[in-house]
Amino acid sequence: MHFTTRTDGAAARITVHGEIDHDTLPLLRAAAAGLPPSVTELVWDLQHARFMDVAGLHLLFEQPSPEGPPRRTTVTNLAPQPLRLLILATRVRPDLDLARLLPDTPAALLDG
C-alpha cells in the first residue's frame, strides 16, 4: 500500500493505493495527523483502495484529536467492497452519518 497527499490551501486529498487494513492503518492515520493545521477539509480518495476491513471504519469515523484542528472529512471514489462495508456499518450503528462522509454518493446507494 502507498498513498499520495495533495494539499491546496485549506483542503487536502489523500489518495490510497492498496488495501486499508490493520497493517496500513497507522500509516494512514499518520498521514492525516501530519497535515498542516490550516487544512480544514480532508478528502480520502479511495478509487484505488479495492479492499477495506474494519480498520478503514476506524480511519474514516474516528473523531479528530482535541489538540488538532477541526476537519471536515469526506470520502470519494469508493470501490464496491468498501462501500458495502460502510453500508453494513450503518446497519449496525445507525448513528453513523454516511451522507456527510459520502456527499457525492447517490442516496439510493446508501440506503442499501
N, C-alpha and C. Protein backbone atom coordinates (compact mmCIF):
# COMPACT_ATOMS: atom_id res chain seq x y z
N MET A 1 0.85 -1.17 0.00
CA MET A 1 0.00 0.00 0.00
C MET A 1 0.89 1.23 0.00
N HIS A 2 0.47 2.21 -0.79
CA HIS A 2 1.09 3.52 -0.71
C HIS A 2 -0.01 4.56 -0.90
N PHE A 3 0.33 5.79 -0.65
CA PHE A 3 -0.65 6.86 -0.79
C PHE A 3 0.05 8.12 -1.25
N THR A 4 -0.74 9.00 -1.81
CA THR A 4 -0.24 10.31 -2.19
C THR A 4 -1.08 11.36 -1.47
N THR A 5 -0.44 12.45 -1.13
CA THR A 5 -1.13 13.54 -0.44
C THR A 5 -0.95 14.81 -1.26
N ARG A 6 -2.06 15.48 -1.48
CA ARG A 6 -2.02 16.76 -2.20
C ARG A 6 -2.76 17.79 -1.34
N THR A 7 -2.11 18.89 -1.07
CA THR A 7 -2.71 19.96 -0.28
C THR A 7 -2.85 21.18 -1.15
N ASP A 8 -4.04 21.80 -1.08
CA ASP A 8 -4.33 23.01 -1.83
C ASP A 8 -5.06 23.97 -0.89
N GLY A 9 -4.32 24.86 -0.28
CA GLY A 9 -4.92 25.79 0.68
C GLY A 9 -5.43 25.05 1.90
N ALA A 10 -6.73 25.20 2.17
CA ALA A 10 -7.34 24.58 3.35
C ALA A 10 -7.83 23.16 3.08
N ALA A 11 -7.62 22.65 1.86
CA ALA A 11 -8.10 21.31 1.52
C ALA A 11 -6.92 20.38 1.24
N ALA A 12 -7.09 19.13 1.64
CA ALA A 12 -6.10 18.09 1.37
C ALA A 12 -6.81 16.86 0.83
N ARG A 13 -6.14 16.17 -0.07
CA ARG A 13 -6.66 14.91 -0.62
C ARG A 13 -5.58 13.85 -0.43
N ILE A 14 -5.98 12.77 0.25
CA ILE A 14 -5.09 11.62 0.39
C ILE A 14 -5.66 10.51 -0.47
N THR A 15 -4.88 10.10 -1.45
CA THR A 15 -5.29 9.04 -2.38
C THR A 15 -4.57 7.76 -1.98
N VAL A 16 -5.36 6.75 -1.65
CA VAL A 16 -4.83 5.47 -1.17
C VAL A 16 -4.73 4.51 -2.34
N HIS A 17 -3.58 3.85 -2.46
CA HIS A 17 -3.35 2.82 -3.48
C HIS A 17 -3.07 1.51 -2.75
N GLY A 18 -4.06 0.65 -2.68
CA GLY A 18 -3.89 -0.63 -2.00
C GLY A 18 -4.94 -0.81 -0.93
N GLU A 19 -4.77 -1.83 -0.12
CA GLU A 19 -5.75 -2.20 0.89
C GLU A 19 -5.65 -1.32 2.12
N ILE A 20 -6.80 -1.12 2.76
CA ILE A 20 -6.83 -0.44 4.05
C ILE A 20 -7.15 -1.51 5.07
N ASP A 21 -6.18 -1.82 5.91
CA ASP A 21 -6.35 -2.87 6.91
C ASP A 21 -5.56 -2.52 8.17
N HIS A 22 -5.49 -3.45 9.08
CA HIS A 22 -4.81 -3.22 10.36
C HIS A 22 -3.35 -2.80 10.15
N ASP A 23 -2.69 -3.38 9.16
CA ASP A 23 -1.28 -3.06 8.92
C ASP A 23 -1.07 -1.67 8.34
N THR A 24 -1.99 -1.20 7.52
CA THR A 24 -1.82 0.09 6.86
C THR A 24 -2.45 1.25 7.63
N LEU A 25 -3.30 0.94 8.61
CA LEU A 25 -3.98 1.98 9.37
C LEU A 25 -3.02 2.99 10.03
N PRO A 26 -1.96 2.56 10.69
CA PRO A 26 -1.06 3.54 11.32
C PRO A 26 -0.45 4.52 10.32
N LEU A 27 -0.10 4.05 9.14
CA LEU A 27 0.47 4.94 8.11
C LEU A 27 -0.54 5.99 7.66
N LEU A 28 -1.78 5.56 7.48
CA LEU A 28 -2.81 6.49 7.02
C LEU A 28 -3.19 7.49 8.12
N ARG A 29 -3.25 7.01 9.35
CA ARG A 29 -3.50 7.93 10.47
C ARG A 29 -2.39 8.98 10.56
N ALA A 30 -1.16 8.53 10.40
CA ALA A 30 -0.03 9.46 10.47
C ALA A 30 -0.08 10.47 9.32
N ALA A 31 -0.52 10.04 8.14
CA ALA A 31 -0.64 10.96 7.01
C ALA A 31 -1.64 12.06 7.32
N ALA A 32 -2.78 11.69 7.88
CA ALA A 32 -3.79 12.68 8.23
C ALA A 32 -3.32 13.58 9.37
N ALA A 33 -2.69 12.99 10.37
CA ALA A 33 -2.21 13.76 11.51
C ALA A 33 -1.09 14.73 11.11
N GLY A 34 -0.35 14.39 10.06
CA GLY A 34 0.76 15.22 9.62
C GLY A 34 0.37 16.38 8.73
N LEU A 35 -0.92 16.51 8.42
CA LEU A 35 -1.36 17.63 7.59
C LEU A 35 -1.20 18.94 8.36
N PRO A 36 -0.95 20.03 7.66
CA PRO A 36 -0.81 21.32 8.35
C PRO A 36 -2.09 21.70 9.09
N PRO A 37 -1.98 22.45 10.17
CA PRO A 37 -3.16 22.88 10.92
C PRO A 37 -4.13 23.72 10.09
N SER A 38 -3.64 24.31 9.01
CA SER A 38 -4.51 25.14 8.16
C SER A 38 -5.48 24.31 7.32
N VAL A 39 -5.28 23.00 7.25
CA VAL A 39 -6.17 22.13 6.48
C VAL A 39 -7.44 21.89 7.30
N THR A 40 -8.57 22.32 6.74
CA THR A 40 -9.86 22.16 7.42
C THR A 40 -10.76 21.17 6.70
N GLU A 41 -10.34 20.71 5.53
CA GLU A 41 -11.12 19.73 4.77
C GLU A 41 -10.20 18.63 4.27
N LEU A 42 -10.52 17.39 4.62
CA LEU A 42 -9.74 16.23 4.21
C LEU A 42 -10.62 15.32 3.36
N VAL A 43 -10.16 15.01 2.18
CA VAL A 43 -10.85 14.08 1.29
C VAL A 43 -9.99 12.83 1.17
N TRP A 44 -10.59 11.70 1.50
CA TRP A 44 -9.94 10.41 1.26
C TRP A 44 -10.41 9.92 -0.10
N ASP A 45 -9.50 9.81 -1.04
CA ASP A 45 -9.83 9.30 -2.38
C ASP A 45 -9.50 7.81 -2.38
N LEU A 46 -10.53 6.98 -2.47
CA LEU A 46 -10.35 5.53 -2.34
C LEU A 46 -10.56 4.78 -3.65
N GLN A 47 -10.37 5.47 -4.77
CA GLN A 47 -10.56 4.84 -6.08
C GLN A 47 -9.66 3.62 -6.25
N HIS A 48 -8.46 3.66 -5.70
CA HIS A 48 -7.51 2.56 -5.87
C HIS A 48 -7.39 1.70 -4.62
N ALA A 49 -8.33 1.87 -3.69
CA ALA A 49 -8.39 1.03 -2.49
C ALA A 49 -9.56 0.07 -2.69
N ARG A 50 -9.28 -1.08 -3.24
CA ARG A 50 -10.34 -2.03 -3.59
C ARG A 50 -10.83 -2.85 -2.42
N PHE A 51 -10.06 -2.87 -1.32
CA PHE A 51 -10.45 -3.64 -0.14
C PHE A 51 -10.23 -2.79 1.10
N MET A 52 -11.18 -2.87 2.02
CA MET A 52 -11.07 -2.18 3.30
C MET A 52 -11.72 -3.07 4.35
N ASP A 53 -11.01 -3.28 5.46
CA ASP A 53 -11.64 -4.02 6.55
C ASP A 53 -12.03 -3.04 7.65
N VAL A 54 -12.31 -3.54 8.84
CA VAL A 54 -12.80 -2.69 9.92
C VAL A 54 -11.82 -1.57 10.25
N ALA A 55 -10.56 -1.73 9.94
CA ALA A 55 -9.59 -0.65 10.17
C ALA A 55 -9.98 0.60 9.39
N GLY A 56 -10.54 0.41 8.21
CA GLY A 56 -11.00 1.56 7.42
C GLY A 56 -12.13 2.30 8.11
N LEU A 57 -12.98 1.57 8.80
CA LEU A 57 -14.06 2.22 9.56
C LEU A 57 -13.48 3.09 10.66
N HIS A 58 -12.47 2.58 11.33
CA HIS A 58 -11.80 3.38 12.37
C HIS A 58 -11.20 4.64 11.75
N LEU A 59 -10.55 4.49 10.63
CA LEU A 59 -9.91 5.63 9.97
C LEU A 59 -10.93 6.70 9.60
N LEU A 60 -12.04 6.30 9.03
CA LEU A 60 -13.00 7.26 8.50
C LEU A 60 -13.94 7.85 9.54
N PHE A 61 -14.19 7.12 10.63
CA PHE A 61 -15.17 7.59 11.61
C PHE A 61 -14.56 8.07 12.92
N GLU A 62 -13.25 7.98 13.08
CA GLU A 62 -12.63 8.45 14.31
C GLU A 62 -12.81 9.96 14.47
N GLN A 63 -12.99 10.36 15.69
CA GLN A 63 -13.06 11.79 15.98
C GLN A 63 -11.64 12.34 15.99
N PRO A 64 -11.45 13.53 15.45
CA PRO A 64 -10.10 14.10 15.45
C PRO A 64 -9.63 14.38 16.88
N SER A 65 -8.34 14.44 17.02
CA SER A 65 -7.75 14.73 18.32
C SER A 65 -8.18 16.12 18.79
N PRO A 66 -8.48 16.27 20.08
CA PRO A 66 -8.89 17.59 20.58
C PRO A 66 -7.80 18.65 20.40
N GLU A 67 -6.54 18.20 20.33
CA GLU A 67 -5.43 19.14 20.14
C GLU A 67 -5.33 19.60 18.68
N GLY A 68 -5.86 18.81 17.76
CA GLY A 68 -5.75 19.13 16.34
C GLY A 68 -6.86 20.07 15.88
N PRO A 69 -6.71 20.59 14.68
CA PRO A 69 -7.73 21.49 14.14
C PRO A 69 -8.99 20.71 13.76
N PRO A 70 -10.16 21.35 13.84
CA PRO A 70 -11.37 20.67 13.36
C PRO A 70 -11.29 20.49 11.85
N ARG A 71 -11.67 19.30 11.39
CA ARG A 71 -11.59 18.99 9.97
C ARG A 71 -12.85 18.29 9.51
N ARG A 72 -13.33 18.72 8.36
CA ARG A 72 -14.44 18.02 7.71
C ARG A 72 -13.80 16.91 6.87
N THR A 73 -14.24 15.69 7.10
CA THR A 73 -13.69 14.54 6.38
C THR A 73 -14.74 13.97 5.46
N THR A 74 -14.37 13.75 4.20
CA THR A 74 -15.25 13.10 3.24
C THR A 74 -14.47 12.03 2.49
N VAL A 75 -15.23 11.18 1.80
CA VAL A 75 -14.65 10.09 1.02
C VAL A 75 -15.21 10.17 -0.39
N THR A 76 -14.36 9.90 -1.37
CA THR A 76 -14.80 9.90 -2.75
C THR A 76 -14.25 8.68 -3.48
N ASN A 77 -14.89 8.35 -4.59
CA ASN A 77 -14.44 7.27 -5.49
C ASN A 77 -14.37 5.90 -4.82
N LEU A 78 -15.40 5.56 -4.06
CA LEU A 78 -15.41 4.27 -3.38
C LEU A 78 -15.60 3.11 -4.34
N ALA A 79 -14.81 2.08 -4.15
CA ALA A 79 -15.00 0.82 -4.87
C ALA A 79 -16.17 0.08 -4.22
N PRO A 80 -16.72 -0.93 -4.88
CA PRO A 80 -17.90 -1.63 -4.34
C PRO A 80 -17.70 -2.24 -2.95
N GLN A 81 -16.58 -2.90 -2.70
CA GLN A 81 -16.41 -3.56 -1.40
C GLN A 81 -16.35 -2.57 -0.25
N PRO A 82 -15.55 -1.51 -0.32
CA PRO A 82 -15.57 -0.54 0.79
C PRO A 82 -16.94 0.11 0.98
N LEU A 83 -17.65 0.37 -0.10
CA LEU A 83 -18.99 0.95 0.02
C LEU A 83 -19.91 -0.02 0.76
N ARG A 84 -19.86 -1.31 0.41
CA ARG A 84 -20.70 -2.31 1.11
C ARG A 84 -20.36 -2.35 2.59
N LEU A 85 -19.08 -2.26 2.92
CA LEU A 85 -18.66 -2.28 4.33
C LEU A 85 -19.23 -1.06 5.07
N LEU A 86 -19.18 0.10 4.46
CA LEU A 86 -19.73 1.31 5.11
C LEU A 86 -21.23 1.20 5.30
N ILE A 87 -21.93 0.66 4.31
CA ILE A 87 -23.39 0.49 4.44
C ILE A 87 -23.70 -0.52 5.54
N LEU A 88 -22.95 -1.61 5.60
CA LEU A 88 -23.15 -2.60 6.66
C LEU A 88 -22.90 -1.97 8.03
N ALA A 89 -21.89 -1.13 8.14
CA ALA A 89 -21.58 -0.47 9.41
C ALA A 89 -22.75 0.40 9.87
N THR A 90 -23.45 1.03 8.95
CA THR A 90 -24.58 1.87 9.35
C THR A 90 -25.78 1.03 9.77
N ARG A 91 -25.85 -0.20 9.32
CA ARG A 91 -26.93 -1.08 9.79
C ARG A 91 -26.68 -1.48 11.24
N VAL A 92 -25.41 -1.61 11.59
CA VAL A 92 -25.06 -1.96 12.96
C VAL A 92 -25.09 -0.71 13.85
N ARG A 93 -24.65 0.41 13.29
CA ARG A 93 -24.60 1.69 14.02
C ARG A 93 -25.34 2.76 13.21
N PRO A 94 -26.65 2.85 13.34
CA PRO A 94 -27.43 3.81 12.56
C PRO A 94 -27.04 5.27 12.79
N ASP A 95 -26.32 5.56 13.87
CA ASP A 95 -25.91 6.94 14.16
C ASP A 95 -24.75 7.40 13.27
N LEU A 96 -24.12 6.50 12.53
CA LEU A 96 -23.04 6.90 11.62
C LEU A 96 -23.64 7.67 10.45
N ASP A 97 -23.06 8.80 10.13
CA ASP A 97 -23.61 9.70 9.11
C ASP A 97 -22.90 9.50 7.77
N LEU A 98 -23.43 8.58 6.97
CA LEU A 98 -22.83 8.32 5.65
C LEU A 98 -23.05 9.47 4.68
N ALA A 99 -24.17 10.14 4.77
CA ALA A 99 -24.44 11.25 3.84
C ALA A 99 -23.39 12.34 3.99
N ARG A 100 -22.93 12.59 5.20
CA ARG A 100 -21.88 13.58 5.42
C ARG A 100 -20.54 13.08 4.90
N LEU A 101 -20.26 11.81 5.16
CA LEU A 101 -18.98 11.24 4.77
C LEU A 101 -18.88 11.04 3.26
N LEU A 102 -20.00 10.74 2.61
CA LEU A 102 -20.02 10.41 1.18
C LEU A 102 -20.92 11.37 0.42
N PRO A 103 -20.61 12.65 0.38
CA PRO A 103 -21.54 13.61 -0.22
C PRO A 103 -21.78 13.42 -1.71
N ASP A 104 -20.86 12.78 -2.42
CA ASP A 104 -21.07 12.61 -3.86
C ASP A 104 -21.60 11.23 -4.24
N THR A 105 -22.08 10.47 -3.24
CA THR A 105 -22.66 9.15 -3.49
C THR A 105 -24.19 9.28 -3.46
N PRO A 106 -24.86 8.80 -4.50
CA PRO A 106 -26.33 8.91 -4.54
C PRO A 106 -26.97 8.24 -3.32
N ALA A 107 -27.98 8.90 -2.76
CA ALA A 107 -28.66 8.40 -1.56
C ALA A 107 -29.22 7.00 -1.77
N ALA A 108 -29.65 6.69 -2.98
CA ALA A 108 -30.22 5.36 -3.26
C ALA A 108 -29.18 4.26 -2.98
N LEU A 109 -27.92 4.52 -3.26
CA LEU A 109 -26.88 3.53 -2.97
C LEU A 109 -26.64 3.39 -1.48
N LEU A 110 -26.76 4.48 -0.75
CA LEU A 110 -26.50 4.46 0.69
C LEU A 110 -27.60 3.75 1.46
N ASP A 111 -28.78 3.67 0.88
CA ASP A 111 -29.89 3.00 1.55
C ASP A 111 -29.80 1.49 1.43
N GLY A 112 -28.78 1.00 0.79
CA GLY A 112 -28.51 -0.41 0.76
C GLY A 112 -29.13 -1.13 -0.37
